[in-house]
Protein backbone atom coordinates (compact mmCIF):
# COMPACT_ATOMS: atom_id res chain seq x y z
CA MET A 1 0.00 0.00 0.00
CA VAL A 2 1.44 3.34 -1.04
CA GLU A 3 1.27 6.05 1.57
CA THR A 4 0.68 9.47 0.12
CA LYS A 5 1.39 12.57 2.10
CA LYS A 6 0.14 15.94 1.01
CA HIS A 7 2.83 18.55 0.56
CA LYS A 8 2.51 21.86 2.30
CA ILE A 9 2.10 24.62 -0.25
CA VAL A 10 3.77 27.80 0.91
CA SER A 11 2.34 31.04 -0.42
CA TYR A 12 4.31 33.61 -2.36
CA LYS A 13 3.58 36.10 0.42
CA THR A 14 5.51 33.93 2.89
CA TYR A 15 8.44 33.67 0.50
CA GLY A 16 8.36 37.43 0.02
CA ILE A 17 8.40 38.07 3.76
CA ILE A 18 11.33 35.67 4.22
CA LEU A 19 13.17 37.34 1.32
CA ILE A 20 12.68 40.78 2.87
CA ALA A 21 13.85 39.44 6.25
CA LEU A 22 16.98 38.00 4.63
CA ILE A 23 17.72 41.30 2.89
CA ILE A 24 17.25 43.23 6.15
CA LEU A 25 19.52 40.80 8.00
CA THR A 26 22.13 41.22 5.26
CA PHE A 27 22.03 45.00 5.68
CA ILE A 28 22.32 44.56 9.46
CA SER A 29 25.35 42.32 9.07
CA VAL A 30 27.00 44.87 6.76
CA PHE A 31 26.18 47.65 9.24
CA VAL A 32 27.68 45.65 12.11
CA THR A 33 30.99 45.41 10.26
CA ARG A 34 31.21 49.21 10.34
CA ILE A 35 30.93 49.25 14.15
CA ASP A 36 33.97 48.42 16.26
CA LEU A 37 32.83 45.67 18.61
CA SER A 38 36.32 44.20 19.10
CA ASN A 39 36.03 40.47 19.89
CA LEU A 40 32.24 40.55 19.84
CA SER A 41 32.16 41.24 16.09
CA ILE A 42 32.68 37.59 15.21
CA VAL A 43 29.93 36.45 17.58
CA VAL A 44 27.45 38.98 16.20
CA ALA A 45 28.30 38.18 12.58
CA LEU A 46 27.98 34.42 13.15
CA SER A 47 24.70 34.90 15.04
CA ILE A 48 23.19 36.88 12.17
CA ALA A 49 24.45 34.29 9.69
CA GLY A 50 22.92 31.56 11.83
CA ILE A 51 19.53 33.28 11.85
CA LYS A 52 19.68 33.69 8.09
CA SER A 53 20.60 30.04 7.59
CA LEU A 54 17.72 28.93 9.84
CA LEU A 55 15.31 30.94 7.70
CA VAL A 56 16.69 29.40 4.51
CA PHE A 57 16.66 25.87 5.94
CA SER A 58 13.15 26.23 7.35
CA PHE A 59 11.34 27.81 4.45
CA PHE A 60 13.31 27.50 1.22
CA MET A 61 14.48 23.95 1.95
CA HIS A 62 11.06 23.07 3.47
CA LEU A 63 12.51 21.58 6.67
CA LEU A 64 9.74 23.24 8.65
CA TYR A 65 7.12 21.14 6.88
CA ASP A 66 9.11 17.96 6.19
CA LYS A 67 9.88 14.92 8.32
CA LYS A 68 11.59 15.70 11.61
CA MET A 69 14.39 13.25 10.77
CA TYR A 70 15.67 15.61 8.10
CA SER A 71 15.73 18.45 10.61
CA LEU A 72 17.67 16.27 13.04
CA MET A 73 20.24 15.41 10.37
CA VAL A 74 20.74 19.08 9.47
CA ALA A 75 20.98 19.97 13.16
CA GLY A 76 23.65 17.30 13.61
CA VAL A 77 25.70 18.67 10.75
CA LEU A 78 25.35 22.20 12.10
CA LEU A 79 26.40 21.01 15.55
CA VAL A 80 29.56 19.42 14.17
CA MET A 81 30.31 22.56 12.15
CA THR A 82 29.80 24.71 15.27
CA LEU A 83 32.16 22.53 17.28
CA VAL A 84 34.80 22.80 14.56
CA LEU A 85 34.45 26.60 14.56
CA ILE A 86 34.71 26.75 18.35
CA VAL A 87 37.86 24.61 18.36
CA THR A 88 39.30 26.79 15.57
CA PHE A 89 38.64 30.02 17.46
CA LEU A 90 40.08 28.59 20.68
CA ASP A 91 43.44 28.86 18.97
CA TYR A 92 43.10 32.66 18.86
CA SER A 93 42.87 32.89 22.64
CA TYR A 94 46.41 31.47 22.98
CA LEU A 95 48.11 34.08 20.79
């Protein structure tokens, strides 16, 4: 027996709102580079990039409406990438 699951159809309005949010976050990240935040600049830039990637993963890659297993796999990859970045930046504290 074939199990059919209806796909969630996302409206163009939702895509437009997400696009505008991504553009605004891009302008914010460019504006943050103009401000001297010393060591906090990297944290702020990575946080904004993380928010933007969550929006893209959730809506444009349909992880919000898909099986939760896919979301867990993406979260696992992001966790490994975050750990690699943390270990990389730990080297800067010893300079």
